[in-house]
Amino acid sequence: MGFFSFLGRLLFASIFILSAWQMFNEFGIDGGPAAKELIPKLTLIKKHMSAQLKVKMPDIDVRQVVATAIALKGLGGILFVFGQTFGAYLLLVYLAFSTPLLYDFYNYSSSDPRFQSLLSDFLQSVAMFGALLFFWEMKNSIPKRQPKKKPATKAA
C-alpha cells in the first residue's frame, strides 16, 4: 500500500509541480502569460472590492501574485509527494484563492462558449480541493505509532 500511496501523491502533485515549472520558465520580466491573464481579472476584483467596501484598494503587483502562485504550487507539490500535510495546506491555499479568480464562469452567460470550459475547469479545481481535504483529514486521523512496550520481567 505504501508504494501506491506514494505513486498516487506523485501523480496528483505532478499537476501542480509541472504547472509551477512552466510558469517559472515563462516568468520573464513582466510575469509571463500568467500575469497577462491575471491583470484584467485582478483589475475587475479590485474595482468590485472598492465599490463594495467604499475604500480605495491598493495596487497589486501581478508579478508578485504569479511568483506566489509558483511558490505555493511548487513547494506544496513537492512536500505533498512526500506525504507532508503542510504541502497539502499550501496547495489548499493556492486553490482557494486561484480557483474563483482564474475560472470566473459566473461572469459569462450560459450561452457563451467560454462558460462551459470555465465551469469545467472550476469544478476540476473544486474536486482537487476536495481530494486535498480528504488527504489532510486522513493524515490527521491516523494515529501515530506507539513504541512497543517491553514485557515486564518479574523479579524473584
C-alpha atoms as a PDB file:
ATOM      1  CA  MET A   1       0.000   0.000   0.000  1.00  0.00           C
ATOM      2  CA  GLY A   2       2.899   2.367   0.674  1.00  0.00           C
ATOM      3  CA  PHE A   3       4.091   2.348  -2.933  1.00  0.00           C
ATOM      4  CA  PHE A   4       0.650   3.031  -4.399  1.00  0.00           C
ATOM      5  CA  SER A   5       0.064   5.810  -1.897  1.00  0.00           C
ATOM      6  CA  PHE A   6       3.339   7.434  -2.956  1.00  0.00           C
ATOM      7  CA  LEU A   7       2.532   6.918  -6.641  1.00  0.00           C
ATOM      8  CA  GLY A   8      -0.908   8.493  -6.203  1.00  0.00           C
ATOM      9  CA  ARG A   9       0.557  11.509  -4.418  1.00  0.00           C
ATOM     10  CA  LEU A  10       3.233  11.828  -7.110  1.00  0.00           C
ATOM     11  CA  LEU A  11       0.705  11.738  -9.949  1.00  0.00           C
ATOM     12  CA  PHE A  12      -1.626  14.169  -8.166  1.00  0.00           C
ATOM     13  CA  ALA A  13       1.164  16.611  -7.304  1.00  0.00           C
ATOM     14  CA  SER A  14       2.653  16.443 -10.796  1.00  0.00           C
ATOM     15  CA  ILE A  15      -0.186  18.706 -11.973  1.00  0.00           C
ATOM     16  CA  PHE A  16       0.981  21.422  -9.605  1.00  0.00           C
ATOM     17  CA  ILE A  17       4.732  20.844  -9.933  1.00  0.00           C
ATOM     18  CA  LEU A  18       4.758  20.843 -13.739  1.00  0.00           C
ATOM     19  CA  SER A  19       2.479  23.872 -13.856  1.00  0.00           C
ATOM     20  CA  ALA A  20       4.762  25.752 -11.453  1.00  0.00           C
ATOM     21  CA  TRP A  21       7.803  24.770 -13.541  1.00  0.00           C
ATOM     22  CA  GLN A  22       6.135  26.046 -16.723  1.00  0.00           C
ATOM     23  CA  MET A  23       5.124  29.321 -15.045  1.00  0.00           C
ATOM     24  CA  PHE A  24       8.675  29.714 -13.706  1.00  0.00           C
ATOM     25  CA  ASN A  25      10.195  29.215 -17.159  1.00  0.00           C
ATOM     26  CA  GLU A  26       7.790  31.720 -18.743  1.00  0.00           C
ATOM     27  CA  PHE A  27       8.011  34.297 -15.932  1.00  0.00           C
ATOM     28  CA  GLY A  28      10.404  36.778 -17.562  1.00  0.00           C
ATOM     29  CA  ILE A  29      10.421  40.485 -16.690  1.00  0.00           C
ATOM     30  CA  ASP A  30       6.689  41.048 -16.985  1.00  0.00           C
ATOM     31  CA  GLY A  31       5.464  37.906 -15.219  1.00  0.00           C
ATOM     32  CA  GLY A  32       4.785  35.939 -18.378  1.00  0.00           C
ATOM     33  CA  PRO A  33       1.470  34.835 -19.869  1.00  0.00           C
ATOM     34  CA  ALA A  34       0.024  34.119 -16.430  1.00  0.00           C
ATOM     35  CA  ALA A  35       0.400  37.778 -15.479  1.00  0.00           C
ATOM     36  CA  LYS A  36      -1.210  38.895 -18.732  1.00  0.00           C
ATOM     37  CA  GLU A  37      -4.204  36.675 -17.979  1.00  0.00           C
ATOM     38  CA  LEU A  38      -4.457  37.873 -14.374  1.00  0.00           C
ATOM     39  CA  ILE A  39      -4.262  41.646 -14.979  1.00  0.00           C
ATOM     40  CA  PRO A  40      -7.869  42.110 -16.202  1.00  0.00           C
ATOM     41  CA  LYS A  41      -9.243  39.702 -13.586  1.00  0.00           C
ATOM     42  CA  LEU A  42      -7.424  41.400 -10.707  1.00  0.00           C
ATOM     43  CA  THR A  43      -8.500  44.816 -12.012  1.00  0.00           C
ATOM     44  CA  LEU A  44     -12.127  43.671 -12.035  1.00  0.00           C
ATOM     45  CA  ILE A  45     -11.863  42.299  -8.495  1.00  0.00           C
ATOM     46  CA  LYS A  46     -10.134  45.449  -7.291  1.00  0.00           C
ATOM     47  CA  LYS A  47     -12.870  47.613  -8.806  1.00  0.00           C
ATOM     48  CA  HIS A  48     -15.600  45.430  -7.292  1.00  0.00           C
ATOM     49  CA  MET A  49     -13.993  45.417  -3.827  1.00  0.00           C
ATOM     50  CA  SER A  50     -13.520  49.210  -3.924  1.00  0.00           C
ATOM     51  CA  ALA A  51     -17.186  49.699  -4.784  1.00  0.00           C
ATOM     52  CA  GLN A  52     -18.418  47.303  -2.105  1.00  0.00           C
ATOM     53  CA  LEU A  53     -16.135  48.497   0.696  1.00  0.00           C
ATOM     54  CA  LYS A  54     -16.130  52.155  -0.418  1.00  0.00           C
ATOM     55  CA  VAL A  55     -12.368  52.226   0.122  1.00  0.00           C
ATOM     56  CA  LYS A  56      -9.612  52.677  -2.440  1.00  0.00           C
ATOM     57  CA  MET A  57      -7.841  49.339  -2.791  1.00  0.00           C
ATOM     58  CA  PRO A  58      -4.027  49.320  -3.039  1.00  0.00           C
ATOM     59  CA  ASP A  59      -2.343  48.435  -6.305  1.00  0.00           C
ATOM     60  CA  ILE A  60      -1.442  44.784  -6.705  1.00  0.00           C
ATOM     61  CA  ASP A  61       1.776  43.836  -8.470  1.00  0.00           C
ATOM     62  CA  VAL A  62       0.748  40.964 -10.711  1.00  0.00           C
ATOM     63  CA  ARG A  63       4.307  39.629 -10.845  1.00  0.00           C
ATOM     64  CA  GLN A  64       4.194  39.074  -7.074  1.00  0.00           C
ATOM     65  CA  VAL A  65       0.890  37.235  -7.406  1.00  0.00           C
ATOM     66  CA  VAL A  66       2.388  34.977 -10.091  1.00  0.00           C
ATOM     67  CA  ALA A  67       5.570  34.423  -8.047  1.00  0.00           C
ATOM     68  CA  THR A  68       3.455  33.495  -5.030  1.00  0.00           C
ATOM     69  CA  ALA A  69       1.435  31.046  -7.127  1.00  0.00           C
ATOM     70  CA  ILE A  70       4.661  29.461  -8.396  1.00  0.00           C
ATOM     71  CA  ALA A  71       5.978  29.099  -4.844  1.00  0.00           C
ATOM     72  CA  LEU A  72       2.721  27.660  -3.472  1.00  0.00           C
ATOM     73  CA  LYS A  73       2.339  25.138  -6.293  1.00  0.00           C
ATOM     74  CA  GLY A  74       5.990  24.120  -6.461  1.00  0.00           C
ATOM     75  CA  LEU A  75       6.752  23.820  -2.770  1.00  0.00           C
ATOM     76  CA  GLY A  76       3.297  22.482  -1.924  1.00  0.00           C
ATOM     77  CA  GLY A  77       3.517  19.840  -4.636  1.00  0.00           C
ATOM     78  CA  ILE A  78       6.963  18.645  -3.601  1.00  0.00           C
ATOM     79  CA  LEU A  79       6.001  18.438   0.074  1.00  0.00           C
ATOM     80  CA  PHE A  80       2.750  16.675  -0.831  1.00  0.00           C
ATOM     81  CA  VAL A  81       4.653  13.970  -2.740  1.00  0.00           C
ATOM     82  CA  PHE A  82       6.496  13.108   0.463  1.00  0.00           C
ATOM     83  CA  GLY A  83       3.265  12.955   2.456  1.00  0.00           C
ATOM     84  CA  GLN A  84       3.604  16.236   4.347  1.00  0.00           C
ATOM     85  CA  THR A  85       0.328  17.823   5.444  1.00  0.00           C
ATOM     86  CA  PHE A  86       1.914  21.270   5.129  1.00  0.00           C
ATOM     87  CA  GLY A  87       2.263  20.629   1.394  1.00  0.00           C
ATOM     88  CA  ALA A  88      -1.457  19.844   1.211  1.00  0.00           C
ATOM     89  CA  TYR A  89      -2.137  23.035   3.158  1.00  0.00           C
ATOM     90  CA  LEU A  90      -0.093  25.124   0.682  1.00  0.00           C
ATOM     91  CA  LEU A  91      -1.966  23.586  -2.244  1.00  0.00           C
ATOM     92  CA  LEU A  92      -5.283  24.234  -0.478  1.00  0.00           C
ATOM     93  CA  VAL A  93      -4.365  27.902  -0.056  1.00  0.00           C
ATOM     94  CA  TYR A  94      -3.406  28.130  -3.723  1.00  0.00           C
ATOM     95  CA  LEU A  95      -6.649  26.522  -4.896  1.00  0.00           C
ATOM     96  CA  ALA A  96      -8.802  28.565  -2.523  1.00  0.00           C
ATOM     97  CA  PHE A  97      -7.516  31.850  -3.949  1.00  0.00           C
ATOM     98  CA  SER A  98      -6.873  30.931  -7.581  1.00  0.00           C
ATOM     99  CA  THR A  99      -9.947  28.866  -8.454  1.00  0.00           C
ATOM    100  CA  PRO A 100     -12.592  31.622  -8.240  1.00  0.00           C
ATOM    101  CA  LEU A 101     -10.160  34.103  -9.779  1.00  0.00           C
ATOM    102  CA  LEU A 102      -8.999  32.057 -12.775  1.00  0.00           C
ATOM    103  CA  TYR A 103     -12.208  30.206 -13.594  1.00  0.00           C
ATOM    104  CA  ASP A 104     -14.747  33.042 -13.438  1.00  0.00           C
ATOM    105  CA  PHE A 105     -17.582  31.270 -15.226  1.00  0.00           C
ATOM    106  CA  TYR A 106     -20.002  33.405 -13.209  1.00  0.00           C
ATOM    107  CA  ASN A 107     -19.057  36.454 -15.337  1.00  0.00           C
ATOM    108  CA  TYR A 108     -20.401  34.806 -18.518  1.00  0.00           C
ATOM    109  CA  SER A 109     -23.863  33.798 -19.652  1.00  0.00           C
ATOM    110  CA  SER A 110     -24.546  30.103 -20.109  1.00  0.00           C
ATOM    111  CA  SER A 111     -24.827  30.612 -23.883  1.00  0.00           C
ATOM    112  CA  ASP A 112     -21.248  31.945 -24.096  1.00  0.00           C
ATOM    113  CA  PRO A 113     -18.826  29.241 -25.349  1.00  0.00           C
ATOM    114  CA  ARG A 114     -16.291  30.123 -22.610  1.00  0.00           C
ATOM    115  CA  PHE A 115     -18.864  29.371 -19.895  1.00  0.00           C
ATOM    116  CA  GLN A 116     -18.709  25.560 -20.255  1.00  0.00           C
ATOM    117  CA  SER A 117     -14.922  25.466 -20.390  1.00  0.00           C
ATOM    118  CA  LEU A 118     -14.537  27.710 -17.334  1.00  0.00           C
ATOM    119  CA  LEU A 119     -17.204  25.809 -15.402  1.00  0.00           C
ATOM    120  CA  SER A 120     -15.492  22.501 -16.172  1.00  0.00           C
ATOM    121  CA  ASP A 121     -12.096  23.823 -15.020  1.00  0.00           C
ATOM    122  CA  PHE A 122     -13.697  25.334 -11.926  1.00  0.00           C
ATOM    123  CA  LEU A 123     -15.279  22.008 -10.984  1.00  0.00           C
ATOM    124  CA  GLN A 124     -11.982  20.176 -11.557  1.00  0.00           C
ATOM    125  CA  SER A 125     -10.264  22.570  -9.155  1.00  0.00           C
ATOM    126  CA  VAL A 126     -13.039  22.081  -6.610  1.00  0.00           C
ATOM    127  CA  ALA A 127     -12.560  18.314  -6.928  1.00  0.00           C
ATOM    128  CA  MET A 128      -8.802  18.704  -6.349  1.00  0.00           C
ATOM    129  CA  PHE A 129      -9.580  20.880  -3.324  1.00  0.00           C
ATOM    130  CA  GLY A 130     -11.806  18.087  -2.001  1.00  0.00           C
ATOM    131  CA  ALA A 131      -9.106  15.480  -2.587  1.00  0.00           C
ATOM    132  CA  LEU A 132      -6.611  17.595  -0.644  1.00  0.00           C
ATOM    133  CA  LEU A 133      -9.091  17.984   2.216  1.00  0.00           C
ATOM    134  CA  PHE A 134      -9.561  14.211   2.216  1.00  0.00           C
ATOM    135  CA  PHE A 135      -5.784  13.643   2.326  1.00  0.00           C
ATOM    136  CA  TRP A 136      -5.379  16.187   5.113  1.00  0.00           C
ATOM    137  CA  GLU A 137      -8.121  14.628   7.231  1.00  0.00           C
ATOM    138  CA  MET A 138      -6.890  11.077   6.634  1.00  0.00           C
ATOM    139  CA  LYS A 139      -3.349  12.084   7.528  1.00  0.00           C
ATOM    140  CA  ASN A 140      -4.536  13.730  10.752  1.00  0.00           C
ATOM    141  CA  SER A 141      -6.854  10.872  11.750  1.00  0.00           C
ATOM    142  CA  ILE A 142      -4.261   8.104  11.529  1.00  0.00           C
ATOM    143  CA  PRO A 143      -2.813   7.579  14.997  1.00  0.00           C
ATOM    144  CA  LYS A 144       0.923   7.871  15.375  1.00  0.00           C
ATOM    145  CA  ARG A 145       2.781   4.660  16.018  1.00  0.00           C
ATOM    146  CA  GLN A 146       3.365   3.988  19.657  1.00  0.00           C
ATOM    147  CA  PRO A 147       6.630   2.332  20.636  1.00  0.00           C
ATOM    148  CA  LYS A 148       6.165  -1.284  21.672  1.00  0.00           C
ATOM    149  CA  LYS A 149       6.343  -1.773  25.386  1.00  0.00           C
ATOM    150  CA  LYS A 150       8.789  -4.331  26.638  1.00  0.00           C
ATOM    151  CA  PRO A 151       7.190  -7.066  28.675  1.00  0.00           C
ATOM    152  CA  ALA A 152       7.745  -6.552  32.359  1.00  0.00           C
ATOM    153  CA  THR A 153      10.005  -9.148  33.936  1.00  0.00           C
ATOM    154  CA  LYS A 154       9.082 -10.430  37.335  1.00  0.00           C
ATOM    155  CA  ALA A 155      11.703 -10.104  39.973  1.00  0.00           C
ATOM    156  CA  ALA A 156      12.152 -13.189  42.120  1.00  0.00           C
END
